[in-house]
C-alpha atoms as a PDB file:
ATOM      1  CA  MET A   1      99.418  98.309 108.866  1.00  0.00           C
ATOM      2  CA  GLY A   2      98.080  94.797 108.783  1.00  0.00           C
ATOM      3  CA  SER A   3      97.477  94.985 105.002  1.00  0.00           C
ATOM      4  CA  LEU A   4     101.021  96.174 104.520  1.00  0.00           C
ATOM      5  CA  GLN A   5     102.372  93.432 106.705  1.00  0.00           C
ATOM      6  CA  LEU A   6     100.483  90.799 104.679  1.00  0.00           C
ATOM      7  CA  SER A   7     101.740  92.103 101.386  1.00  0.00           C
ATOM      8  CA  PHE A   8     105.253  92.131 102.731  1.00  0.00           C
ATOM      9  CA  GLU A   9     105.040  88.547 104.192  1.00  0.00           C
ATOM     10  CA  SER A  10     103.528  87.234 100.985  1.00  0.00           C
ATOM     11  CA  ILE A  11     106.268  88.756  98.756  1.00  0.00           C
ATOM     12  CA  ALA A  12     109.279  88.709 101.092  1.00  0.00           C
ATOM     13  CA  PRO A  13     109.837  84.845 100.777  1.00  0.00           C
ATOM     14  CA  ILE A  14     109.892  85.195  97.028  1.00  0.00           C
ATOM     15  CA  PHE A  15     112.735  87.656  97.239  1.00  0.00           C
ATOM     16  CA  LEU A  16     114.580  85.518  99.746  1.00  0.00           C
ATOM     17  CA  MET A  17     114.466  82.470  97.369  1.00  0.00           C
ATOM     18  CA  MET A  18     115.518  84.771  94.492  1.00  0.00           C
ATOM     19  CA  LEU A  19     118.449  85.898  96.629  1.00  0.00           C
ATOM     20  CA  LEU A  20     119.393  82.366  97.286  1.00  0.00           C
ATOM     21  CA  GLY A  21     119.447  81.596  93.514  1.00  0.00           C
ATOM     22  CA  TYR A  22     121.489  84.646  92.915  1.00  0.00           C
ATOM     23  CA  VAL A  23     124.007  83.686  95.588  1.00  0.00           C
ATOM     24  CA  LEU A  24     124.274  80.089  94.401  1.00  0.00           C
ATOM     25  CA  LYS A  25     125.121  81.375  90.992  1.00  0.00           C
ATOM     26  CA  SER A  26     127.569  83.945  92.320  1.00  0.00           C
ATOM     27  CA  ILE A  27     129.504  81.521  94.372  1.00  0.00           C
ATOM     28  CA  LYS A  28     129.448  78.994  91.379  1.00  0.00           C
ATOM     29  CA  LEU A  29     127.783  76.262  93.344  1.00  0.00           C
ATOM     30  CA  ALA A  30     125.785  75.558  90.253  1.00  0.00           C
ATOM     31  CA  ASP A  31     126.546  76.853  86.752  1.00  0.00           C
ATOM     32  CA  LYS A  32     124.207  78.104  83.999  1.00  0.00           C
ATOM     33  CA  LYS A  33     123.913  74.595  82.416  1.00  0.00           C
ATOM     34  CA  SER A  34     122.762  73.157  85.700  1.00  0.00           C
ATOM     35  CA  PHE A  35     120.129  75.896  86.209  1.00  0.00           C
ATOM     36  CA  ASP A  36     118.889  75.389  82.641  1.00  0.00           C
ATOM     37  CA  THR A  37     118.399  71.687  83.353  1.00  0.00           C
ATOM     38  CA  MET A  38     116.553  72.403  86.501  1.00  0.00           C
ATOM     39  CA  ASN A  39     114.389  74.883  84.713  1.00  0.00           C
ATOM     40  CA  ARG A  40     113.371  72.276  82.162  1.00  0.00           C
ATOM     41  CA  LEU A  41     112.385  70.019  85.014  1.00  0.00           C
ATOM     42  CA  VAL A  42     110.300  72.761  86.586  1.00  0.00           C
ATOM     43  CA  PHE A  43     108.576  73.547  83.341  1.00  0.00           C
ATOM     44  CA  LYS A  44     107.951  70.035  82.307  1.00  0.00           C
ATOM     45  CA  VAL A  45     107.315  68.222  85.675  1.00  0.00           C
ATOM     46  CA  PHE A  46     107.021  70.280  88.795  1.00  0.00           C
ATOM     47  CA  LEU A  47     104.822  73.137  87.745  1.00  0.00           C
ATOM     48  CA  PRO A  48     102.393  70.908  85.871  1.00  0.00           C
ATOM     49  CA  ILE A  49     102.005  68.790  88.903  1.00  0.00           C
ATOM     50  CA  LEU A  50     101.463  71.866  91.214  1.00  0.00           C
ATOM     51  CA  LEU A  51      98.726  73.173  88.747  1.00  0.00           C
ATOM     52  CA  PHE A  52      97.114  69.671  88.648  1.00  0.00           C
ATOM     53  CA  TYR A  53      97.101  69.527  92.433  1.00  0.00           C
ATOM     54  CA  ASN A  54      95.761  73.044  93.008  1.00  0.00           C
ATOM     55  CA  ILE A  55      92.785  72.337  90.658  1.00  0.00           C
ATOM     56  CA  TYR A  56      92.343  68.825  91.961  1.00  0.00           C
ATOM     57  CA  LYS A  57      91.983  70.035  95.520  1.00  0.00           C
ATOM     58  CA  THR A  58      89.387  72.720  94.665  1.00  0.00           C
ATOM     59  CA  GLU A  59      86.047  72.148  96.363  1.00  0.00           C
ATOM     60  CA  ALA A  60      83.280  73.356  93.925  1.00  0.00           C
ATOM     61  CA  ALA A  61      80.601  72.448  96.387  1.00  0.00           C
ATOM     62  CA  GLN A  62      81.706  75.298  98.700  1.00  0.00           C
ATOM     63  CA  VAL A  63      80.576  78.081  96.388  1.00  0.00           C
ATOM     64  CA  PHE A  64      80.039  78.876  92.713  1.00  0.00           C
ATOM     65  CA  ASP A  65      79.559  82.385  91.317  1.00  0.00           C
ATOM     66  CA  GLY A  66      78.940  82.317  87.506  1.00  0.00           C
ATOM     67  CA  LYS A  67      78.855  86.120  87.396  1.00  0.00           C
ATOM     68  CA  LEU A  68      82.332  86.389  88.969  1.00  0.00           C
ATOM     69  CA  ILE A  69      83.807  83.758  86.647  1.00  0.00           C
ATOM     70  CA  ALA A  70      82.251  85.374  83.630  1.00  0.00           C
ATOM     71  CA  PHE A  71      83.772  88.732  84.649  1.00  0.00           C
ATOM     72  CA  ALA A  72      87.196  87.256  85.316  1.00  0.00           C
ATOM     73  CA  VAL A  73      87.270  85.443  82.054  1.00  0.00           C
ATOM     74  CA  ALA A  74      86.007  88.492  80.012  1.00  0.00           C
ATOM     75  CA  GLY A  75      88.493  90.785  81.798  1.00  0.00           C
ATOM     76  CA  VAL A  76      91.528  88.644  81.134  1.00  0.00           C
ATOM     77  CA  LEU A  77      90.430  88.238  77.466  1.00  0.00           C
ATOM     78  CA  CYS A  78      90.095  91.971  77.127  1.00  0.00           C
ATOM     79  CA  VAL A  79      93.512  92.615  78.555  1.00  0.00           C
ATOM     80  CA  PHE A  80      94.986  89.971  76.248  1.00  0.00           C
ATOM     81  CA  LEU A  81      93.302  91.339  73.141  1.00  0.00           C
ATOM     82  CA  LEU A  82      94.069  94.969  73.806  1.00  0.00           C
ATOM     83  CA  GLY A  83      97.602  94.016  74.862  1.00  0.00           C
ATOM     84  CA  SER A  84      98.126  92.087  71.551  1.00  0.00           C
ATOM     85  CA  PHE A  85      97.680  95.387  69.618  1.00  0.00           C
ATOM     86  CA  ALA A  86      99.665  97.440  72.086  1.00  0.00           C
ATOM     87  CA  VAL A  87     102.858  95.317  71.838  1.00  0.00           C
ATOM     88  CA  LEU A  88     102.944  95.728  68.092  1.00  0.00           C
ATOM     89  CA  ALA A  89     103.287  99.459  68.588  1.00  0.00           C
ATOM     90  CA  LEU A  90     105.659  99.271  71.632  1.00  0.00           C
ATOM     91  CA  THR A  91     108.387  97.200  70.110  1.00  0.00           C
ATOM     92  CA  LYS A  92     109.550  95.541  66.860  1.00  0.00           C
ATOM     93  CA  ASP A  93     111.353  92.726  68.683  1.00  0.00           C
ATOM     94  CA  ASN A  94     109.186  89.616  68.559  1.00  0.00           C
ATOM     95  CA  ALA A  95     110.927  87.967  71.455  1.00  0.00           C
ATOM     96  CA  LYS A  96     110.015  90.981  73.672  1.00  0.00           C
ATOM     97  CA  ARG A  97     106.490  91.236  72.203  1.00  0.00           C
ATOM     98  CA  GLY A  98     105.389  87.738  73.476  1.00  0.00           C
ATOM     99  CA  VAL A  99     106.923  88.345  76.897  1.00  0.00           C
ATOM    100  CA  MET A 100     105.442  91.758  77.322  1.00  0.00           C
ATOM    101  CA  LEU A 101     101.966  90.587  76.342  1.00  0.00           C
ATOM    102  CA  GLN A 102     102.296  87.747  78.836  1.00  0.00           C
ATOM    103  CA  GLY A 103     103.214  90.248  81.431  1.00  0.00           C
ATOM    104  CA  PHE A 104     100.062  92.356  80.822  1.00  0.00           C
ATOM    105  CA  PHE A 105      97.551  89.645  81.537  1.00  0.00           C
ATOM    106  CA  ARG A 106      99.248  86.864  83.413  1.00  0.00           C
ATOM    107  CA  SER A 107      99.220  87.435  87.197  1.00  0.00           C
ATOM    108  CA  ASN A 108     100.640  85.418  90.112  1.00  0.00           C
ATOM    109  CA  TYR A 109      97.182  84.389  91.146  1.00  0.00           C
ATOM    110  CA  SER A 110      97.945  80.785  91.898  1.00  0.00           C
ATOM    111  CA  ILE A 111     100.496  81.761  94.652  1.00  0.00           C
ATOM    112  CA  LEU A 112      99.014  84.927  96.170  1.00  0.00           C
ATOM    113  CA  GLY A 113      95.238  84.213  95.642  1.00  0.00           C
ATOM    114  CA  VAL A 114      94.256  82.183  98.694  1.00  0.00           C
ATOM    115  CA  PRO A 115      96.536  83.758 101.394  1.00  0.00           C
ATOM    116  CA  LEU A 116      95.656  87.330 100.397  1.00  0.00           C
ATOM    117  CA  VAL A 117      91.876  86.726 100.193  1.00  0.00           C
ATOM    118  CA  SER A 118      91.877  84.677 103.378  1.00  0.00           C
ATOM    119  CA  TYR A 119      93.567  87.559 105.252  1.00  0.00           C
ATOM    120  CA  ILE A 120      91.243  90.237 103.812  1.00  0.00           C
ATOM    121  CA  CYS A 121      87.953  88.348 104.304  1.00  0.00           C
ATOM    122  CA  GLY A 122      88.776  85.954 107.224  1.00  0.00           C
ATOM    123  CA  ASP A 123      89.793  82.401 107.622  1.00  0.00           C
ATOM    124  CA  GLY A 124      86.406  81.167 106.367  1.00  0.00           C
ATOM    125  CA  ALA A 125      87.089  82.660 103.036  1.00  0.00           C
ATOM    126  CA  GLY A 126      89.040  81.148 100.201  1.00  0.00           C
ATOM    127  CA  GLY A 127      86.669  78.606  98.687  1.00  0.00           C
ATOM    128  CA  LEU A 128      85.730  80.837  95.831  1.00  0.00           C
ATOM    129  CA  THR A 129      89.265  81.869  95.395  1.00  0.00           C
ATOM    130  CA  SER A 130      90.388  78.255  95.128  1.00  0.00           C
ATOM    131  CA  LEU A 131      87.686  77.521  92.533  1.00  0.00           C
ATOM    132  CA  MET A 132      88.957  80.314  90.481  1.00  0.00           C
ATOM    133  CA  VAL A 133      92.274  78.429  90.054  1.00  0.00           C
ATOM    134  CA  ALA A 134      90.395  75.970  87.783  1.00  0.00           C
ATOM    135  CA  VAL A 135      89.289  78.802  85.612  1.00  0.00           C
ATOM    136  CA  VAL A 136      92.039  81.461  85.310  1.00  0.00           C
ATOM    137  CA  VAL A 137      95.132  79.308  85.587  1.00  0.00           C
ATOM    138  CA  PRO A 138      94.420  77.192  82.520  1.00  0.00           C
ATOM    139  CA  MET A 139      93.323  80.430  80.782  1.00  0.00           C
ATOM    140  CA  PHE A 140      96.566  82.110  81.696  1.00  0.00           C
ATOM    141  CA  ASN A 141      98.510  79.202  80.306  1.00  0.00           C
ATOM    142  CA  VAL A 142      96.640  78.835  77.042  1.00  0.00           C
ATOM    143  CA  LEU A 143      96.893  82.556  76.362  1.00  0.00           C
ATOM    144  CA  ALA A 144     100.581  82.511  77.339  1.00  0.00           C
ATOM    145  CA  VAL A 145     101.381  79.812  74.716  1.00  0.00           C
ATOM    146  CA  ILE A 146      99.429  81.799  72.107  1.00  0.00           C
ATOM    147  CA  SER A 147     101.348  84.851  73.010  1.00  0.00           C
ATOM    148  CA  LEU A 148     104.775  83.265  72.731  1.00  0.00           C
ATOM    149  CA  GLU A 149     104.001  81.122  69.760  1.00  0.00           C
ATOM    150  CA  ARG A 150     102.471  84.094  67.842  1.00  0.00           C
ATOM    151  CA  PHE A 151     105.655  86.040  68.146  1.00  0.00           C
ATOM    152  CA  ARG A 152     108.246  83.156  68.019  1.00  0.00           C
ATOM    153  CA  GLU A 153     108.816  83.587  64.333  1.00  0.00           C
ATOM    154  CA  GLY A 154     106.748  86.647  63.570  1.00  0.00           C
ATOM    155  CA  ASN A 155     103.811  84.798  61.919  1.00  0.00           C
ATOM    156  CA  ILE A 156     100.994  82.582  62.849  1.00  0.00           C
ATOM    157  CA  ASP A 157     101.325  78.853  62.048  1.00  0.00           C
ATOM    158  CA  ILE A 158      97.892  77.465  63.191  1.00  0.00           C
ATOM    159  CA  LYS A 159      99.071  73.883  63.279  1.00  0.00           C
ATOM    160  CA  LYS A 160     102.112  74.777  65.343  1.00  0.00           C
ATOM    161  CA  LEU A 161     100.070  76.971  67.538  1.00  0.00           C
ATOM    162  CA  ILE A 162      97.521  74.175  68.273  1.00  0.00           C
ATOM    163  CA  LYS A 163     100.406  71.726  68.875  1.00  0.00           C
ATOM    164  CA  GLY A 164     102.055  74.191  71.229  1.00  0.00           C
ATOM    165  CA  ILE A 165      98.863  74.452  73.304  1.00  0.00           C
ATOM    166  CA  VAL A 166      98.021  70.644  73.276  1.00  0.00           C
ATOM    167  CA  THR A 167     101.621  69.620  74.213  1.00  0.00           C
ATOM    168  CA  ASN A 168     102.419  72.371  76.723  1.00  0.00           C
ATOM    169  CA  PRO A 169     103.121  70.722  80.003  1.00  0.00           C
ATOM    170  CA  LEU A 170     101.413  73.355  82.043  1.00  0.00           C
ATOM    171  CA  ILE A 171      98.220  73.128  80.047  1.00  0.00           C
ATOM    172  CA  ILE A 172      98.373  69.329  80.295  1.00  0.00           C
ATOM    173  CA  GLY A 173      98.656  69.583  84.064  1.00  0.00           C
ATOM    174  CA  CYS A 174      95.614  71.986  84.164  1.00  0.00           C
ATOM    175  CA  LEU A 175      93.548  69.745  81.943  1.00  0.00           C
ATOM    176  CA  ALA A 176      94.355  66.703  83.959  1.00  0.00           C
ATOM    177  CA  GLY A 177      93.292  68.595  87.172  1.00  0.00           C
ATOM    178  CA  ILE A 178      90.072  69.735  85.507  1.00  0.00           C
ATOM    179  CA  LEU A 179      89.393  66.103  84.434  1.00  0.00           C
ATOM    180  CA  CYS A 180      89.800  64.833  88.013  1.00  0.00           C
ATOM    181  CA  PHE A 181      87.868  67.857  89.403  1.00  0.00           C
ATOM    182  CA  GLY A 182      84.949  67.530  86.886  1.00  0.00           C
ATOM    183  CA  LEU A 183      84.543  63.758  87.119  1.00  0.00           C
ATOM    184  CA  ARG A 184      85.168  63.712  90.913  1.00  0.00           C
ATOM    185  CA  ILE A 185      88.074  61.271  90.554  1.00  0.00           C
ATOM    186  CA  THR A 186      89.778  60.602  93.830  1.00  0.00           C
ATOM    187  CA  LEU A 187      93.384  59.580  93.840  1.00  0.00           C
ATOM    188  CA  PRO A 188      94.636  56.794  96.130  1.00  0.00           C
ATOM    189  CA  VAL A 189      95.812  58.258  99.404  1.00  0.00           C
ATOM    190  CA  PHE A 190      99.522  57.353  98.792  1.00  0.00           C
ATOM    191  CA  VAL A 191      99.422  58.828  95.219  1.00  0.00           C
ATOM    192  CA  GLU A 192      97.755  62.059  96.504  1.00  0.00           C
ATOM    193  CA  LYS A 193     100.497  62.319  99.219  1.00  0.00           C
ATOM    194  CA  ALA A 194     103.222  61.968  96.668  1.00  0.00           C
ATOM    195  CA  VAL A 195     101.657  64.534  94.332  1.00  0.00           C
ATOM    196  CA  SER A 196     101.138  66.915  97.225  1.00  0.00           C
ATOM    197  CA  ASP A 197     104.767  66.647  98.235  1.00  0.00           C
ATOM    198  CA  ILE A 198     106.107  66.992  94.627  1.00  0.00           C
ATOM    199  CA  SER A 199     103.842  70.091  94.152  1.00  0.00           C
ATOM    200  CA  LYS A 200     105.589  71.827  96.960  1.00  0.00           C
ATOM    201  CA  ILE A 201     108.815  71.727  95.080  1.00  0.00           C
ATOM    202  CA  ALA A 202     107.603  73.722  92.113  1.00  0.00           C
ATOM    203  CA  THR A 203     107.325  77.256  93.351  1.00  0.00           C
ATOM    204  CA  PRO A 204     110.460  77.542  95.429  1.00  0.00           C
ATOM    205  CA  LEU A 205     112.642  75.851  92.791  1.00  0.00           C
ATOM    206  CA  ALA A 206     111.126  78.039  90.017  1.00  0.00           C
ATOM    207  CA  ILE A 207     111.892  81.193  92.128  1.00  0.00           C
ATOM    208  CA  ILE A 208     115.412  80.037  93.043  1.00  0.00           C
ATOM    209  CA  ILE A 209     116.171  79.507  89.298  1.00  0.00           C
ATOM    210  CA  LEU A 210     114.651  82.885  88.512  1.00  0.00           C
ATOM    211  CA  GLY A 211     116.955  84.517  90.988  1.00  0.00           C
ATOM    212  CA  ALA A 212     119.994  82.693  89.380  1.00  0.00           C
ATOM    213  CA  SER A 213     119.042  84.153  86.055  1.00  0.00           C
ATOM    214  CA  PHE A 214     118.922  87.706  87.365  1.00  0.00           C
ATOM    215  CA  THR A 215     121.670  90.158  86.545  1.00  0.00           C
ATOM    216  CA  PHE A 216     121.745  93.848  87.417  1.00  0.00           C
ATOM    217  CA  SER A 217     123.317  94.733  84.123  1.00  0.00           C
ATOM    218  CA  SER A 218     120.668  93.166  82.087  1.00  0.00           C
ATOM    219  CA  MET A 219     118.079  95.558  83.478  1.00  0.00           C
ATOM    220  CA  LYS A 220     119.655  98.485  81.684  1.00  0.00           C
ATOM    221  CA  GLY A 221     118.518  97.299  78.348  1.00  0.00           C
ATOM    222  CA  TYR A 222     114.946  96.762  79.428  1.00  0.00           C
ATOM    223  CA  VAL A 223     114.061  99.915  81.412  1.00  0.00           C
ATOM    224  CA  ARG A 224     111.404 101.167  79.016  1.00  0.00           C
ATOM    225  CA  GLU A 225     109.720  97.793  78.658  1.00  0.00           C
ATOM    226  CA  ILE A 226     109.786  97.088  82.409  1.00  0.00           C
ATOM    227  CA  LEU A 227     108.200 100.416  83.247  1.00  0.00           C
ATOM    228  CA  ILE A 228     105.486  99.964  80.677  1.00  0.00           C
ATOM    229  CA  VAL A 229     104.579  96.338  81.648  1.00  0.00           C
ATOM    230  CA  VAL A 230     104.702  96.839  85.425  1.00  0.00           C
ATOM    231  CA  SER A 231     102.673 100.027  85.177  1.00  0.00           C
ATOM    232  CA  VAL A 232     100.013  98.274  83.181  1.00  0.00           C
ATOM    233  CA  ARG A 233     100.042  95.174  85.203  1.00  0.00           C
ATOM    234  CA  LEU A 234      99.921  96.775  88.659  1.00  0.00           C
ATOM    235  CA  LEU A 235      98.219 100.150  88.034  1.00  0.00           C
ATOM    236  CA  LEU A 236      96.196 100.399  84.818  1.00  0.00           C
ATOM    237  CA  VAL A 237      94.677  96.967  84.643  1.00  0.00           C
ATOM    238  CA  PRO A 238      93.486  96.786  88.299  1.00  0.00           C
ATOM    239  CA  PHE A 239      92.172 100.339  88.115  1.00  0.00           C
ATOM    240  CA  ILE A 240      90.043  99.603  85.199  1.00  0.00           C
ATOM    241  CA  MET A 241      88.942  96.121  86.221  1.00  0.00           C
ATOM    242  CA  LEU A 242      88.241  96.903  89.886  1.00  0.00           C
ATOM    243  CA  THR A 243      86.319 100.094  88.985  1.00  0.00           C
ATOM    244  CA  ALA A 244      84.199  98.043  86.639  1.00  0.00           C
ATOM    245  CA  ALA A 245      83.765  95.277  89.270  1.00  0.00           C
ATOM    246  CA  VAL A 246      82.627  97.761  91.915  1.00  0.00           C
ATOM    247  CA  LEU A 247      80.138  99.330  89.497  1.00  0.00           C
ATOM    248  CA  LEU A 248      78.781  95.915  88.773  1.00  0.00           C
ATOM    249  CA  GLY A 249      78.146  95.267  92.485  1.00  0.00           C
ATOM    250  CA  PHE A 250      81.086  92.906  93.430  1.00  0.00           C
ATOM    251  CA  SER A 251      82.227  93.122  97.021  1.00  0.00           C
ATOM    252  CA  GLY A 252      83.691  90.888  99.809  1.00  0.00           C
ATOM    253  CA  GLU A 253      85.459  87.766  98.759  1.00  0.00           C
ATOM    254  CA  ALA A 254      84.493  88.092  95.088  1.00  0.00           C
ATOM    255  CA  LEU A 255      86.113  91.566  94.913  1.00  0.00           C
ATOM    256  CA  ALA A 256      89.243  90.481  96.792  1.00  0.00           C
ATOM    257  CA  CYS A 257      89.596  87.545  94.369  1.00  0.00           C
ATOM    258  CA  LEU A 258      89.391  89.938  91.395  1.00  0.00           C
ATOM    259  CA  MET A 259      91.837  92.228  93.033  1.00  0.00           C
ATOM    260  CA  VAL A 260      94.398  89.354  93.080  1.00  0.00           C
ATOM    261  CA  VAL A 261      93.529  88.200  89.490  1.00  0.00           C
ATOM    262  CA  PHE A 262      94.041  91.717  88.025  1.00  0.00           C
ATOM    263  CA  GLY A 263      96.442  93.312  90.529  1.00  0.00           C
ATOM    264  CA  SER A 264      99.094  90.799  91.564  1.00  0.00           C
ATOM    265  CA  PRO A 265     102.543  90.704  90.044  1.00  0.00           C
ATOM    266  CA  VAL A 266     103.662  88.891  86.848  1.00  0.00           C
ATOM    267  CA  SER A 267     103.416  85.125  87.298  1.00  0.00           C
ATOM    268  CA  VAL A 268     106.643  83.323  88.318  1.00  0.00           C
ATOM    269  CA  SER A 269     105.917  80.585  85.834  1.00  0.00           C
ATOM    270  CA  SER A 270     105.987  83.136  82.932  1.00  0.00           C
ATOM    271  CA  PHE A 271     109.773  83.145  83.097  1.00  0.00           C
ATOM    272  CA  ALA A 272     110.090  79.300  82.767  1.00  0.00           C
ATOM    273  CA  MET A 273     107.636  79.313  79.819  1.00  0.00           C
ATOM    274  CA  ALA A 274     109.406  82.234  78.092  1.00  0.00           C
ATOM    275  CA  GLN A 275     112.800  80.486  78.453  1.00  0.00           C
ATOM    276  CA  GLN A 276     111.459  77.283  77.032  1.00  0.00           C
ATOM    277  CA  MET A 277     109.441  78.844  74.080  1.00  0.00           C
ATOM    278  CA  GLY A 278     111.935  81.277  72.663  1.00  0.00           C
ATOM    279  CA  GLY A 279     110.838  84.420  74.404  1.00  0.00           C
ATOM    280  CA  ASP A 280     113.215  87.017  75.790  1.00  0.00           C
ATOM    281  CA  GLU A 281     113.993  85.245  79.005  1.00  0.00           C
ATOM    282  CA  LYS A 282     115.984  88.112  80.479  1.00  0.00           C
ATOM    283  CA  LEU A 283     113.062  90.483  80.117  1.00  0.00           C
ATOM    284  CA  ALA A 284     110.707  87.888  81.584  1.00  0.00           C
ATOM    285  CA  ALA A 285     112.903  87.507  84.595  1.00  0.00           C
ATOM    286  CA  GLN A 286     113.123  91.223  85.112  1.00  0.00           C
ATOM    287  CA  LEU A 287     109.345  91.607  84.908  1.00  0.00           C
ATOM    288  CA  VAL A 288     108.786  89.066  87.613  1.00  0.00           C
ATOM    289  CA  VAL A 289     111.412  90.573  89.863  1.00  0.00           C
ATOM    290  CA  VAL A 290     110.345  94.210  89.432  1.00  0.00           C
ATOM    291  CA  SER A 291     106.588  93.594  89.606  1.00  0.00           C
ATOM    292  CA  SER A 292     107.021  91.400  92.719  1.00  0.00           C
ATOM    293  CA  ALA A 293     108.842  94.336  94.408  1.00  0.00           C
ATOM    294  CA  ALA A 294     106.453  97.074  93.247  1.00  0.00           C
ATOM    295  CA  CYS A 295     103.337  95.091  94.299  1.00  0.00           C
ATOM    296  CA  LEU A 296     104.350  95.575  97.899  1.00  0.00           C
ATOM    297  CA  VAL A 297     103.164  99.204  97.333  1.00  0.00           C
ATOM    298  CA  THR A 298     100.427  98.666  94.846  1.00  0.00           C
ATOM    299  CA  LEU A 299      98.613  95.842  96.541  1.00  0.00           C
ATOM    300  CA  PHE A 300      98.776  97.698  99.808  1.00  0.00           C
ATOM    301  CA  PHE A 301      97.182 100.728  97.963  1.00  0.00           C
ATOM    302  CA  TRP A 302      94.364  98.729  96.468  1.00  0.00           C
ATOM    303  CA  ILE A 303      93.609  96.878  99.736  1.00  0.00           C
ATOM    304  CA  PHE A 304      93.624 100.223 101.562  1.00  0.00           C
ATOM    305  CA  VAL A 305      91.256 101.939  99.116  1.00  0.00           C
ATOM    306  CA  LEU A 306      88.745  99.121  98.790  1.00  0.00           C
ATOM    307  CA  SER A 307      88.739  98.560 102.595  1.00  0.00           C
ATOM    308  CA  SER A 308      88.249 102.212 103.130  1.00  0.00           C
ATOM    309  CA  LEU A 309      85.190 102.205 100.932  1.00  0.00           C
ATOM    310  CA  GLY A 310      83.804  99.296 103.016  1.00  0.00           C
ATOM    311  CA  LEU A 311      83.781  96.868 100.091  1.00  0.00           C
ATOM    312  CA  PHE A 312      85.498  94.091 101.886  1.00  0.00           C
ATOM    313  CA  GLY A 313      83.210  94.233 104.914  1.00  0.00           C
END
């Protein structure tokens, strides 16, 4: 029951903020143009600062597990590569292909990672999970840019692809965080306080904007794509990756960390990136909403199974 309560309490705030965005749009307190402007701010300013701060605050001295990091990186790459072939067969619409591929590999790790792992493994856990932010979040963003750029016009323009990666605000935020993290650069107290406060705006505002973009009628045209991506994201990928992780001897905080990397819903920031990079933003929004709802069941299931096997003890 505690695991179910945790899953609900982690996801319920997301739905309440989505509901707020939907209500704000419905009562016309803000129009589409206003939400589009706010979304550009989230994508270019607030989310990059959030990613920078998450990586900057990581404490590498607490724990380092090269085997875990190698498994997470290899696993995400495998999902990305296999997904790249799968989307070619699943749809002919390039705008959908990039978004579906992003949905296969890009999880909401940065939001759900620390709270879920801390609950499962105790308050003393979380150091390893925080460290993984510096690894998987930049990786998610680089692969997401590649996914969306690859299918933006149906062909690969290497120069444009590299430019898209180098100039992407989310990647810039990650790289700045890694630079400070690696060189042990300490921000002045007043700067860190400002960055901390600004970073707190990103996730709520991104989710509110997501809610404003949601329409029930738009789901009808995406039922097939939603079922495929959500099933892969929440069932197939975690089943394969967690089985492999257990066979390789992972347990405790490391296994809980991998569960969130491979089993949490589609990243909220995937919607902002899809909207800004020519992907099918309606499909991206539906994937975040539906996967966030479905993970209440699937995350509870994975936590229950792994706990029953004594792998979190």
